[in-house]
Amino acid sequence: MKLVVAIIRPEKLEDVQKALAERDVYLMTVSDVRGCGRQRGYTEVYRGTEVQIRLVPKLKLEIAVNEPFVEAAIEAIVHSARTGETGTIGDGKIFVLPLEDAVRIRTGERGGNAIGP
């Protein structure tokens, strides 16, 4: 089992969900987050004053998947979250972490059965 954590642009969420659903990956947790990477924020004019916005709004997806679905999930996220053909700075990142155990509270199922097929 792996935990796939993806940081994406908010406007790409629907595309990513659709791409994951096509690969039979439906379960995820989505959080509003802010951060910066190479994008390093942006400048805005607010009431006549230039303001540096360093933390850019993003979405964080946490997806627990069994081993056979890891590469499919990564591929779906990469292709659907990318801006244009080649992508641009700020499209996001994907992290894959080992997932030691999972427990479905309702039934008490553990491991891969708790997160699905």
PDB file of N, CA and C in Angstrom:
ATOM      1  N   MET A   1       0.844  -1.175   0.000  1.00  0.00           N
ATOM      2  CA  MET A   1       0.000   0.000   0.000  1.00  0.00           C
ATOM      3  C   MET A   1       0.887   1.235   0.000  1.00  0.00           C
ATOM      4  N   LYS A   2       0.388   2.277  -0.695  1.00  0.00           N
ATOM      5  CA  LYS A   2       1.109   3.545  -0.762  1.00  0.00           C
ATOM      6  C   LYS A   2       0.138   4.685  -0.515  1.00  0.00           C
ATOM      7  N   LEU A   3       0.677   5.789  -0.021  1.00  0.00           N
ATOM      8  CA  LEU A   3      -0.087   7.019   0.125  1.00  0.00           C
ATOM      9  C   LEU A   3       0.461   7.981  -0.920  1.00  0.00           C
ATOM     10  N   VAL A   4      -0.366   8.335  -1.874  1.00  0.00           N
ATOM     11  CA  VAL A   4       0.016   9.277  -2.919  1.00  0.00           C
ATOM     12  C   VAL A   4      -0.483  10.645  -2.481  1.00  0.00           C
ATOM     13  N   VAL A   5       0.443  11.579  -2.327  1.00  0.00           N
ATOM     14  CA  VAL A   5       0.109  12.944  -1.938  1.00  0.00           C
ATOM     15  C   VAL A   5       0.448  13.836  -3.126  1.00  0.00           C
ATOM     16  N   ALA A   6      -0.564  14.553  -3.626  1.00  0.00           N
ATOM     17  CA  ALA A   6      -0.363  15.426  -4.782  1.00  0.00           C
ATOM     18  C   ALA A   6      -0.753  16.852  -4.413  1.00  0.00           C
ATOM     19  N   ILE A   7       0.078  17.791  -4.815  1.00  0.00           N
ATOM     20  CA  ILE A   7      -0.215  19.206  -4.666  1.00  0.00           C
ATOM     21  C   ILE A   7      -0.491  19.717  -6.079  1.00  0.00           C
ATOM     22  N   ILE A   8      -1.707  20.233  -6.301  1.00  0.00           N
ATOM     23  CA  ILE A   8      -2.096  20.650  -7.647  1.00  0.00           C
ATOM     24  C   ILE A   8      -2.749  22.031  -7.630  1.00  0.00           C
ATOM     25  N   ARG A   9      -2.924  22.590  -8.814  1.00  0.00           N
ATOM     26  CA  ARG A   9      -3.665  23.849  -8.961  1.00  0.00           C
ATOM     27  C   ARG A   9      -5.143  23.585  -8.675  1.00  0.00           C
ATOM     28  N   PRO A  10      -5.824  24.506  -7.983  1.00  0.00           N
ATOM     29  CA  PRO A  10      -7.237  24.289  -7.661  1.00  0.00           C
ATOM     30  C   PRO A  10      -8.124  24.066  -8.880  1.00  0.00           C
ATOM     31  N   GLU A  11      -7.838  24.747  -9.971  1.00  0.00           N
ATOM     32  CA  GLU A  11      -8.679  24.621 -11.164  1.00  0.00           C
ATOM     33  C   GLU A  11      -8.518  23.282 -11.879  1.00  0.00           C
ATOM     34  N   LYS A  12      -7.546  22.473 -11.471  1.00  0.00           N
ATOM     35  CA  LYS A  12      -7.304  21.168 -12.100  1.00  0.00           C
ATOM     36  C   LYS A  12      -7.986  20.013 -11.369  1.00  0.00           C
ATOM     37  N   LEU A  13      -8.676  20.295 -10.264  1.00  0.00           N
ATOM     38  CA  LEU A  13      -9.252  19.222  -9.455  1.00  0.00           C
ATOM     39  C   LEU A  13     -10.217  18.348 -10.241  1.00  0.00           C
ATOM     40  N   GLU A  14     -11.143  18.936 -10.957  1.00  0.00           N
ATOM     41  CA  GLU A  14     -12.128  18.138 -11.692  1.00  0.00           C
ATOM     42  C   GLU A  14     -11.472  17.251 -12.746  1.00  0.00           C
ATOM     43  N   ASP A  15     -10.466  17.788 -13.450  1.00  0.00           N
ATOM     44  CA  ASP A  15      -9.747  16.995 -14.450  1.00  0.00           C
ATOM     45  C   ASP A  15      -9.029  15.813 -13.799  1.00  0.00           C
ATOM     46  N   VAL A  16      -8.412  16.063 -12.654  1.00  0.00           N
ATOM     47  CA  VAL A  16      -7.690  15.001 -11.949  1.00  0.00           C
ATOM     48  C   VAL A  16      -8.665  13.937 -11.442  1.00  0.00           C
ATOM     49  N   GLN A  17      -9.785  14.349 -10.871  1.00  0.00           N
ATOM     50  CA  GLN A  17     -10.780  13.381 -10.391  1.00  0.00           C
ATOM     51  C   GLN A  17     -11.294  12.519 -11.537  1.00  0.00           C
ATOM     52  N   LYS A  18     -11.554  13.130 -12.663  1.00  0.00           N
ATOM     53  CA  LYS A  18     -12.046  12.382 -13.824  1.00  0.00           C
ATOM     54  C   LYS A  18     -11.003  11.370 -14.302  1.00  0.00           C
ATOM     55  N   ALA A  19      -9.748  11.803 -14.390  1.00  0.00           N
ATOM     56  CA  ALA A  19      -8.676  10.911 -14.839  1.00  0.00           C
ATOM     57  C   ALA A  19      -8.466   9.749 -13.865  1.00  0.00           C
ATOM     58  N   LEU A  20      -8.551  10.023 -12.565  1.00  0.00           N
ATOM     59  CA  LEU A  20      -8.403   8.956 -11.571  1.00  0.00           C
ATOM     60  C   LEU A  20      -9.580   7.981 -11.642  1.00  0.00           C
ATOM     61  N   ALA A  21     -10.784   8.495 -11.825  1.00  0.00           N
ATOM     62  CA  ALA A  21     -11.966   7.630 -11.912  1.00  0.00           C
ATOM     63  C   ALA A  21     -11.878   6.694 -13.117  1.00  0.00           C
ATOM     64  N   GLU A  22     -11.289   7.161 -14.212  1.00  0.00           N
ATOM     65  CA  GLU A  22     -11.098   6.311 -15.391  1.00  0.00           C
ATOM     66  C   GLU A  22     -10.160   5.147 -15.099  1.00  0.00           C
ATOM     67  N   ARG A  23      -9.347   5.284 -14.061  1.00  0.00           N
ATOM     68  CA  ARG A  23      -8.396   4.232 -13.675  1.00  0.00           C
ATOM     69  C   ARG A  23      -8.840   3.526 -12.391  1.00  0.00           C
ATOM     70  N   ASP A  24     -10.123   3.651 -12.052  1.00  0.00           N
ATOM     71  CA  ASP A  24     -10.731   2.994 -10.891  1.00  0.00           C
ATOM     72  C   ASP A  24     -10.145   3.435  -9.559  1.00  0.00           C
ATOM     73  N   VAL A  25      -9.716   4.683  -9.471  1.00  0.00           N
ATOM     74  CA  VAL A  25      -9.253   5.259  -8.207  1.00  0.00           C
ATOM     75  C   VAL A  25     -10.250   6.349  -7.846  1.00  0.00           C
ATOM     76  N   TYR A  26     -11.042   6.109  -6.793  1.00  0.00           N
ATOM     77  CA  TYR A  26     -12.120   7.018  -6.433  1.00  0.00           C
ATOM     78  C   TYR A  26     -11.931   7.682  -5.069  1.00  0.00           C
ATOM     79  N   LEU A  27     -11.255   7.017  -4.156  1.00  0.00           N
ATOM     80  CA  LEU A  27     -11.173   7.495  -2.778  1.00  0.00           C
ATOM     81  C   LEU A  27     -10.017   8.465  -2.605  1.00  0.00           C
ATOM     82  N   MET A  28     -10.316   9.654  -2.062  1.00  0.00           N
ATOM     83  CA  MET A  28      -9.267  10.640  -1.821  1.00  0.00           C
ATOM     84  C   MET A  28      -9.741  11.646  -0.792  1.00  0.00           C
ATOM     85  N   THR A  29      -8.799  12.310  -0.193  1.00  0.00           N
ATOM     86  CA  THR A  29      -9.075  13.427   0.697  1.00  0.00           C
ATOM     87  C   THR A  29      -8.472  14.661   0.050  1.00  0.00           C
ATOM     88  N   VAL A  30      -9.233  15.752   0.006  1.00  0.00           N
ATOM     89  CA  VAL A  30      -8.774  16.989  -0.628  1.00  0.00           C
ATOM     90  C   VAL A  30      -8.756  18.093   0.425  1.00  0.00           C
ATOM     91  N   SER A  31      -7.644  18.810   0.506  1.00  0.00           N
ATOM     92  CA  SER A  31      -7.498  19.917   1.454  1.00  0.00           C
ATOM     93  C   SER A  31      -7.046  21.171   0.720  1.00  0.00           C
ATOM     94  N   ASP A  32      -7.548  22.325   1.160  1.00  0.00           N
ATOM     95  CA  ASP A  32      -7.042  23.601   0.661  1.00  0.00           C
ATOM     96  C   ASP A  32      -5.747  23.895   1.403  1.00  0.00           C
ATOM     97  N   VAL A  33      -4.693  24.172   0.644  1.00  0.00           N
ATOM     98  CA  VAL A  33      -3.396  24.481   1.245  1.00  0.00           C
ATOM     99  C   VAL A  33      -2.805  25.696   0.529  1.00  0.00           C
ATOM    100  N   ARG A  34      -1.754  26.254   1.114  1.00  0.00           N
ATOM    101  CA  ARG A  34      -1.013  27.334   0.474  1.00  0.00           C
ATOM    102  C   ARG A  34       0.463  27.006   0.596  1.00  0.00           C
ATOM    103  N   GLY A  35       1.214  27.377  -0.427  1.00  0.00           N
ATOM    104  CA  GLY A  35       2.637  27.102  -0.378  1.00  0.00           C
ATOM    105  C   GLY A  35       3.357  27.786  -1.518  1.00  0.00           C
ATOM    106  N   CYS A  36       4.662  27.590  -1.557  1.00  0.00           N
ATOM    107  CA  CYS A  36       5.448  28.153  -2.650  1.00  0.00           C
ATOM    108  C   CYS A  36       6.582  27.192  -2.986  1.00  0.00           C
ATOM    109  N   GLY A  37       6.951  27.241  -4.217  1.00  0.00           N
ATOM    110  CA  GLY A  37       8.063  26.448  -4.720  1.00  0.00           C
ATOM    111  C   GLY A  37       8.847  27.343  -5.654  1.00  0.00           C
ATOM    112  N   ARG A  38       9.126  26.848  -6.840  1.00  0.00           N
ATOM    113  CA  ARG A  38       9.834  27.671  -7.820  1.00  0.00           C
ATOM    114  C   ARG A  38       9.003  28.865  -8.263  1.00  0.00           C
ATOM    115  N   GLN A  39       7.693  28.743  -8.130  1.00  0.00           N
ATOM    116  CA  GLN A  39       6.798  29.819  -8.528  1.00  0.00           C
ATOM    117  C   GLN A  39       7.060  31.076  -7.701  1.00  0.00           C
ATOM    118  N   ARG A  40       7.426  30.904  -6.448  1.00  0.00           N
ATOM    119  CA  ARG A  40       7.804  31.975  -5.516  1.00  0.00           C
ATOM    120  C   ARG A  40       6.756  33.060  -5.342  1.00  0.00           C
ATOM    121  N   GLY A  41       5.503  32.724  -5.555  1.00  0.00           N
ATOM    122  CA  GLY A  41       4.442  33.688  -5.332  1.00  0.00           C
ATOM    123  C   GLY A  41       4.244  34.626  -6.512  1.00  0.00           C
ATOM    124  N   TYR A  42       3.520  35.718  -6.249  1.00  0.00           N
ATOM    125  CA  TYR A  42       3.226  36.690  -7.296  1.00  0.00           C
ATOM    126  C   TYR A  42       2.972  38.040  -6.644  1.00  0.00           C
ATOM    127  N   THR A  43       2.909  39.082  -7.467  1.00  0.00           N
ATOM    128  CA  THR A  43       2.693  40.434  -6.978  1.00  0.00           C
ATOM    129  C   THR A  43       1.298  40.891  -7.380  1.00  0.00           C
ATOM    130  N   GLU A  44       0.601  41.540  -6.464  1.00  0.00           N
ATOM    131  CA  GLU A  44      -0.726  42.083  -6.699  1.00  0.00           C
ATOM    132  C   GLU A  44      -0.761  43.526  -6.250  1.00  0.00           C
ATOM    133  N   VAL A  45      -1.663  44.302  -6.842  1.00  0.00           N
ATOM    134  CA  VAL A  45      -1.859  45.671  -6.392  1.00  0.00           C
ATOM    135  C   VAL A  45      -3.161  45.700  -5.587  1.00  0.00           C
ATOM    136  N   TYR A  46      -3.057  46.074  -4.320  1.00  0.00           N
ATOM    137  CA  TYR A  46      -4.205  46.121  -3.423  1.00  0.00           C
ATOM    138  C   TYR A  46      -4.331  47.536  -2.880  1.00  0.00           C
ATOM    139  N   ARG A  47      -5.415  48.212  -3.225  1.00  0.00           N
ATOM    140  CA  ARG A  47      -5.668  49.601  -2.800  1.00  0.00           C
ATOM    141  C   ARG A  47      -4.481  50.517  -3.098  1.00  0.00           C
ATOM    142  N   GLY A  48      -3.961  50.350  -4.303  1.00  0.00           N
ATOM    143  CA  GLY A  48      -2.872  51.209  -4.753  1.00  0.00           C
ATOM    144  C   GLY A  48      -1.494  50.829  -4.265  1.00  0.00           C
ATOM    145  N   THR A  49      -1.399  49.793  -3.438  1.00  0.00           N
ATOM    146  CA  THR A  49      -0.107  49.363  -2.909  1.00  0.00           C
ATOM    147  C   THR A  49       0.249  47.999  -3.483  1.00  0.00           C
ATOM    148  N   GLU A  50       1.473  47.870  -3.921  1.00  0.00           N
ATOM    149  CA  GLU A  50       1.941  46.591  -4.449  1.00  0.00           C
ATOM    150  C   GLU A  50       2.204  45.631  -3.289  1.00  0.00           C
ATOM    151  N   VAL A  51       1.598  44.445  -3.373  1.00  0.00           N
ATOM    152  CA  VAL A  51       1.720  43.461  -2.299  1.00  0.00           C
ATOM    153  C   VAL A  51       2.309  42.174  -2.872  1.00  0.00           C
ATOM    154  N   GLN A  52       3.300  41.629  -2.199  1.00  0.00           N
ATOM    155  CA  GLN A  52       3.918  40.368  -2.607  1.00  0.00           C
ATOM    156  C   GLN A  52       3.175  39.211  -1.946  1.00  0.00           C
ATOM    157  N   ILE A  53       2.541  38.356  -2.744  1.00  0.00           N
ATOM    158  CA  ILE A  53       1.859  37.167  -2.242  1.00  0.00           C
ATOM    159  C   ILE A  53       2.837  36.000  -2.396  1.00  0.00           C
ATOM    160  N   ARG A  54       3.365  35.527  -1.282  1.00  0.00           N
ATOM    161  CA  ARG A  54       4.384  34.480  -1.337  1.00  0.00           C
ATOM    162  C   ARG A  54       3.792  33.070  -1.303  1.00  0.00           C
ATOM    163  N   LEU A  55       2.663  32.901  -0.637  1.00  0.00           N
ATOM    164  CA  LEU A  55       2.050  31.581  -0.532  1.00  0.00           C
ATOM    165  C   LEU A  55       0.876  31.494  -1.489  1.00  0.00           C
ATOM    166  N   VAL A  56       1.002  30.611  -2.462  1.00  0.00           N
ATOM    167  CA  VAL A  56       0.022  30.464  -3.527  1.00  0.00           C
ATOM    168  C   VAL A  56      -1.012  29.408  -3.133  1.00  0.00           C
ATOM    169  N   PRO A  57      -2.307  29.649  -3.380  1.00  0.00           N
ATOM    170  CA  PRO A  57      -3.327  28.652  -3.054  1.00  0.00           C
ATOM    171  C   PRO A  57      -3.182  27.406  -3.931  1.00  0.00           C
ATOM    172  N   LYS A  58      -3.218  26.256  -3.306  1.00  0.00           N
ATOM    173  CA  LYS A  58      -3.134  24.963  -3.997  1.00  0.00           C
ATOM    174  C   LYS A  58      -4.117  24.001  -3.335  1.00  0.00           C
ATOM    175  N   LEU A  59      -4.254  22.817  -3.921  1.00  0.00           N
ATOM    176  CA  LEU A  59      -5.036  21.737  -3.317  1.00  0.00           C
ATOM    177  C   LEU A  59      -4.096  20.575  -3.037  1.00  0.00           C
ATOM    178  N   LYS A  60      -4.326  19.931  -1.912  1.00  0.00           N
ATOM    179  CA  LYS A  60      -3.536  18.756  -1.537  1.00  0.00           C
ATOM    180  C   LYS A  60      -4.465  17.549  -1.592  1.00  0.00           C
ATOM    181  N   LEU A  61      -4.109  16.577  -2.420  1.00  0.00           N
ATOM    182  CA  LEU A  61      -4.864  15.336  -2.529  1.00  0.00           C
ATOM    183  C   LEU A  61      -4.093  14.237  -1.820  1.00  0.00           C
ATOM    184  N   GLU A  62      -4.766  13.483  -0.974  1.00  0.00           N
ATOM    185  CA  GLU A  62      -4.165  12.330  -0.311  1.00  0.00           C
ATOM    186  C   GLU A  62      -4.961  11.113  -0.759  1.00  0.00           C
ATOM    187  N   ILE A  63      -4.267  10.186  -1.408  1.00  0.00           N
ATOM    188  CA  ILE A  63      -4.929   9.038  -2.008  1.00  0.00           C
ATOM    189  C   ILE A  63      -4.210   7.773  -1.555  1.00  0.00           C
ATOM    190  N   ALA A  64      -4.908   6.921  -0.820  1.00  0.00           N
ATOM    191  CA  ALA A  64      -4.343   5.632  -0.400  1.00  0.00           C
ATOM    192  C   ALA A  64      -4.692   4.607  -1.480  1.00  0.00           C
ATOM    193  N   VAL A  65      -3.681   3.946  -2.010  1.00  0.00           N
ATOM    194  CA  VAL A  65      -3.908   2.959  -3.074  1.00  0.00           C
ATOM    195  C   VAL A  65      -3.109   1.691  -2.798  1.00  0.00           C
ATOM    196  N   ASN A  66      -3.619   0.594  -3.309  1.00  0.00           N
ATOM    197  CA  ASN A  66      -2.872  -0.659  -3.272  1.00  0.00           C
ATOM    198  C   ASN A  66      -1.838  -0.642  -4.381  1.00  0.00           C
ATOM    199  N   GLU A  67      -0.813  -1.475  -4.249  1.00  0.00           N
ATOM    200  CA  GLU A  67       0.325  -1.482  -5.169  1.00  0.00           C
ATOM    201  C   GLU A  67      -0.047  -1.475  -6.660  1.00  0.00           C
ATOM    202  N   PRO A  68      -1.017  -2.280  -7.111  1.00  0.00           N
ATOM    203  CA  PRO A  68      -1.310  -2.292  -8.550  1.00  0.00           C
ATOM    204  C   PRO A  68      -1.835  -0.953  -9.090  1.00  0.00           C
ATOM    205  N   PHE A  69      -2.287  -0.060  -8.232  1.00  0.00           N
ATOM    206  CA  PHE A  69      -2.880   1.199  -8.674  1.00  0.00           C
ATOM    207  C   PHE A  69      -1.941   2.395  -8.540  1.00  0.00           C
ATOM    208  N   VAL A  70      -0.745   2.198  -8.007  1.00  0.00           N
ATOM    209  CA  VAL A  70       0.162   3.320  -7.755  1.00  0.00           C
ATOM    210  C   VAL A  70       0.550   4.025  -9.049  1.00  0.00           C
ATOM    211  N   GLU A  71       1.098   3.308 -10.004  1.00  0.00           N
ATOM    212  CA  GLU A  71       1.551   3.920 -11.252  1.00  0.00           C
ATOM    213  C   GLU A  71       0.396   4.520 -12.036  1.00  0.00           C
ATOM    214  N   ALA A  72      -0.759   3.857 -12.037  1.00  0.00           N
ATOM    215  CA  ALA A  72      -1.929   4.379 -12.743  1.00  0.00           C
ATOM    216  C   ALA A  72      -2.375   5.702 -12.130  1.00  0.00           C
ATOM    217  N   ALA A  73      -2.353   5.788 -10.803  1.00  0.00           N
ATOM    218  CA  ALA A  73      -2.749   7.020 -10.120  1.00  0.00           C
ATOM    219  C   ALA A  73      -1.764   8.149 -10.433  1.00  0.00           C
ATOM    220  N   ILE A  74      -0.479   7.851 -10.386  1.00  0.00           N
ATOM    221  CA  ILE A  74       0.540   8.860 -10.679  1.00  0.00           C
ATOM    222  C   ILE A  74       0.393   9.362 -12.115  1.00  0.00           C
ATOM    223  N   GLU A  75       0.254   8.451 -13.042  1.00  0.00           N
ATOM    224  CA  GLU A  75       0.115   8.807 -14.455  1.00  0.00           C
ATOM    225  C   GLU A  75      -1.130   9.677 -14.671  1.00  0.00           C
ATOM    226  N   ALA A  76      -2.234   9.308 -14.043  1.00  0.00           N
ATOM    227  CA  ALA A  76      -3.474  10.070 -14.190  1.00  0.00           C
ATOM    228  C   ALA A  76      -3.299  11.497 -13.669  1.00  0.00           C
ATOM    229  N   ILE A  77      -2.659  11.637 -12.518  1.00  0.00           N
ATOM    230  CA  ILE A  77      -2.463  12.964 -11.931  1.00  0.00           C
ATOM    231  C   ILE A  77      -1.535  13.807 -12.799  1.00  0.00           C
ATOM    232  N   VAL A  78      -0.422  13.220 -13.230  1.00  0.00           N
ATOM    233  CA  VAL A  78       0.549  13.970 -14.035  1.00  0.00           C
ATOM    234  C   VAL A  78      -0.097  14.501 -15.309  1.00  0.00           C
ATOM    235  N   HIS A  79      -0.793  13.651 -16.027  1.00  0.00           N
ATOM    236  CA  HIS A  79      -1.344  14.067 -17.319  1.00  0.00           C
ATOM    237  C   HIS A  79      -2.528  15.023 -17.187  1.00  0.00           C
ATOM    238  N   SER A  80      -3.305  14.893 -16.125  1.00  0.00           N
ATOM    239  CA  SER A  80      -4.481  15.756 -15.993  1.00  0.00           C
ATOM    240  C   SER A  80      -4.190  17.064 -15.258  1.00  0.00           C
ATOM    241  N   ALA A  81      -3.143  17.114 -14.451  1.00  0.00           N
ATOM    242  CA  ALA A  81      -2.826  18.336 -13.704  1.00  0.00           C
ATOM    243  C   ALA A  81      -1.855  19.242 -14.451  1.00  0.00           C
ATOM    244  N   ARG A  82      -1.243  18.733 -15.503  1.00  0.00           N
ATOM    245  CA  ARG A  82      -0.268  19.509 -16.270  1.00  0.00           C
ATOM    246  C   ARG A  82      -0.977  20.592 -17.076  1.00  0.00           C
ATOM    247  N   THR A  83      -0.384  21.781 -17.110  1.00  0.00           N
ATOM    248  CA  THR A  83      -0.916  22.892 -17.887  1.00  0.00           C
ATOM    249  C   THR A  83      -0.287  22.855 -19.275  1.00  0.00           C
ATOM    250  N   GLY A  84      -1.122  22.739 -20.293  1.00  0.00           N
ATOM    251  CA  GLY A  84      -0.610  22.688 -21.667  1.00  0.00           C
ATOM    252  C   GLY A  84       0.085  21.370 -21.949  1.00  0.00           C
ATOM    253  N   GLU A  85       0.807  21.343 -23.046  1.00  0.00           N
ATOM    254  CA  GLU A  85       1.506  20.113 -23.457  1.00  0.00           C
ATOM    255  C   GLU A  85       2.739  19.829 -22.615  1.00  0.00           C
ATOM    256  N   THR A  86       3.487  20.881 -22.290  1.00  0.00           N
ATOM    257  CA  THR A  86       4.762  20.679 -21.598  1.00  0.00           C
ATOM    258  C   THR A  86       4.708  21.052 -20.129  1.00  0.00           C
ATOM    259  N   GLY A  87       3.613  21.662 -19.675  1.00  0.00           N
ATOM    260  CA  GLY A  87       3.507  22.062 -18.279  1.00  0.00           C
ATOM    261  C   GLY A  87       4.175  23.397 -18.021  1.00  0.00           C
ATOM    262  N   THR A  88       3.867  23.971 -16.848  1.00  0.00           N
ATOM    263  CA  THR A  88       4.470  25.237 -16.450  1.00  0.00           C
ATOM    264  C   THR A  88       4.828  25.177 -14.969  1.00  0.00           C
ATOM    265  N   ILE A  89       5.647  26.112 -14.544  1.00  0.00           N
ATOM    266  CA  ILE A  89       6.016  26.195 -13.137  1.00  0.00           C
ATOM    267  C   ILE A  89       4.738  26.410 -12.331  1.00  0.00           C
ATOM    268  N   GLY A  90       4.586  25.658 -11.238  1.00  0.00           N
ATOM    269  CA  GLY A  90       3.415  25.788 -10.391  1.00  0.00           C
ATOM    270  C   GLY A  90       2.353  24.727 -10.643  1.00  0.00           C
ATOM    271  N   ASP A  91       2.622  23.788 -11.562  1.00  0.00           N
ATOM    272  CA  ASP A  91       1.651  22.722 -11.835  1.00  0.00           C
ATOM    273  C   ASP A  91       1.520  21.763 -10.663  1.00  0.00           C
ATOM    274  N   GLY A  92       2.549  21.641  -9.828  1.00  0.00           N
ATOM    275  CA  GLY A  92       2.440  20.826  -8.626  1.00  0.00           C
ATOM    276  C   GLY A  92       3.503  19.763  -8.483  1.00  0.00           C
ATOM    277  N   LYS A  93       3.299  18.912  -7.486  1.00  0.00           N
ATOM    278  CA  LYS A  93       4.229  17.821  -7.158  1.00  0.00           C
ATOM    279  C   LYS A  93       3.430  16.622  -6.705  1.00  0.00           C
ATOM    280  N   ILE A  94       4.052  15.451  -6.833  1.00  0.00           N
ATOM    281  CA  ILE A  94       3.464  14.210  -6.328  1.00  0.00           C
ATOM    282  C   ILE A  94       4.501  13.539  -5.430  1.00  0.00           C
ATOM    283  N   PHE A  95       4.055  13.104  -4.263  1.00  0.00           N
ATOM    284  CA  PHE A  95       4.910  12.376  -3.334  1.00  0.00           C
ATOM    285  C   PHE A  95       4.279  11.017  -3.101  1.00  0.00           C
ATOM    286  N   VAL A  96       5.090   9.968  -3.088  1.00  0.00           N
ATOM    287  CA  VAL A  96       4.595   8.614  -2.844  1.00  0.00           C
ATOM    288  C   VAL A  96       5.263   8.109  -1.568  1.00  0.00           C
ATOM    289  N   LEU A  97       4.437   7.781  -0.582  1.00  0.00           N
ATOM    290  CA  LEU A  97       4.932   7.354   0.723  1.00  0.00           C
ATOM    291  C   LEU A  97       4.463   5.936   1.019  1.00  0.00           C
ATOM    292  N   PRO A  98       5.277   5.149   1.718  1.00  0.00           N
ATOM    293  CA  PRO A  98       4.802   3.823   2.127  1.00  0.00           C
ATOM    294  C   PRO A  98       3.670   3.976   3.144  1.00  0.00           C
ATOM    295  N   LEU A  99       2.692   3.120   3.029  1.00  0.00           N
ATOM    296  CA  LEU A  99       1.553   3.146   3.944  1.00  0.00           C
ATOM    297  C   LEU A  99       1.567   1.835   4.708  1.00  0.00           C
ATOM    298  N   GLU A 100       1.858   1.917   5.973  1.00  0.00           N
ATOM    299  CA  GLU A 100       2.044   0.724   6.783  1.00  0.00           C
ATOM    300  C   GLU A 100       0.752  -0.036   7.046  1.00  0.00           C
ATOM    301  N   ASP A 101      -0.319   0.678   7.363  1.00  0.00           N
ATOM    302  CA  ASP A 101      -1.575   0.000   7.656  1.00  0.00           C
ATOM    303  C   ASP A 101      -2.723   0.976   7.431  1.00  0.00           C
ATOM    304  N   ALA A 102      -3.895   0.424   7.233  1.00  0.00           N
ATOM    305  CA  ALA A 102      -5.124   1.214   7.123  1.00  0.00           C
ATOM    306  C   ALA A 102      -6.230   0.417   7.801  1.00  0.00           C
ATOM    307  N   VAL A 103      -7.151   1.114   8.429  1.00  0.00           N
ATOM    308  CA  VAL A 103      -8.264   0.451   9.119  1.00  0.00           C
ATOM    309  C   VAL A 103      -9.552   1.154   8.721  1.00  0.00           C
ATOM    310  N   ARG A 104     -10.516   0.385   8.231  1.00  0.00           N
ATOM    311  CA  ARG A 104     -11.845   0.934   7.955  1.00  0.00           C
ATOM    312  C   ARG A 104     -12.612   0.896   9.264  1.00  0.00           C
ATOM    313  N   ILE A 105     -12.971   2.047   9.773  1.00  0.00           N
ATOM    314  CA  ILE A 105     -13.611   2.150  11.085  1.00  0.00           C
ATOM    315  C   ILE A 105     -14.929   1.384  11.126  1.00  0.00           C
ATOM    316  N   ARG A 106     -15.740   1.514  10.085  1.00  0.00           N
ATOM    317  CA  ARG A 106     -17.071   0.894  10.077  1.00  0.00           C
ATOM    318  C   ARG A 106     -17.013  -0.619  10.243  1.00  0.00           C
ATOM    319  N   THR A 107     -16.101  -1.286   9.522  1.00  0.00           N
ATOM    320  CA  THR A 107     -16.086  -2.751   9.519  1.00  0.00           C
ATOM    321  C   THR A 107     -14.915  -3.364  10.271  1.00  0.00           C
ATOM    322  N   GLY A 108     -13.895  -2.568  10.543  1.00  0.00           N
ATOM    323  CA  GLY A 108     -12.695  -3.096  11.182  1.00  0.00           C
ATOM    324  C   GLY A 108     -11.724  -3.748  10.212  1.00  0.00           C
ATOM    325  N   GLU A 109     -12.017  -3.705   8.895  1.00  0.00           N
ATOM    326  CA  GLU A 109     -11.096  -4.276   7.909  1.00  0.00           C
ATOM    327  C   GLU A 109      -9.760  -3.574   7.990  1.00  0.00           C
ATOM    328  N   ARG A 110      -8.691  -4.321   7.700  1.00  0.00           N
ATOM    329  CA  ARG A 110      -7.348  -3.763   7.777  1.00  0.00           C
ATOM    330  C   ARG A 110      -6.601  -3.980   6.487  1.00  0.00           C
ATOM    331  N   GLY A 111      -5.551  -3.169   6.318  1.00  0.00           N
ATOM    332  CA  GLY A 111      -4.682  -3.324   5.166  1.00  0.00           C
ATOM    333  C   GLY A 111      -5.331  -2.920   3.859  1.00  0.00           C
ATOM    334  N   GLY A 112      -4.975  -3.641   2.799  1.00  0.00           N
ATOM    335  CA  GLY A 112      -5.468  -3.333   1.465  1.00  0.00           C
ATOM    336  C   GLY A 112      -6.974  -3.429   1.335  1.00  0.00           C
ATOM    337  N   ASN A 113      -7.600  -4.309   2.092  1.00  0.00           N
ATOM    338  CA  ASN A 113      -9.062  -4.418   2.051  1.00  0.00           C
ATOM    339  C   ASN A 113      -9.741  -3.155   2.566  1.00  0.00           C
ATOM    340  N   ALA A 114      -9.090  -2.441   3.445  1.00  0.00           N
ATOM    341  CA  ALA A 114      -9.686  -1.247   4.022  1.00  0.00           C
ATOM    342  C   ALA A 114      -9.705  -0.076   3.042  1.00  0.00           C
ATOM    343  N   ILE A 115      -8.810  -0.092   2.050  1.00  0.00           N
ATOM    344  CA  ILE A 115      -8.774   1.025   1.098  1.00  0.00           C
ATOM    345  C   ILE A 115      -9.370   0.679  -0.253  1.00  0.00           C
ATOM    346  N   GLY A 116      -9.792  -0.528  -0.451  1.00  0.00           N
ATOM    347  CA  GLY A 116     -10.473  -0.891  -1.686  1.00  0.00           C
ATOM    348  C   GLY A 116      -9.709  -1.896  -2.528  1.00  0.00           C
ATOM    349  N   PRO A 117     -10.107  -1.989  -3.802  1.00  0.00           N
ATOM    350  CA  PRO A 117      -9.503  -3.007  -4.684  1.00  0.00           C
ATOM    351  C   PRO A 117      -8.038  -2.782  -4.944  1.00  0.00           C
TER     352      PRO A 117
END
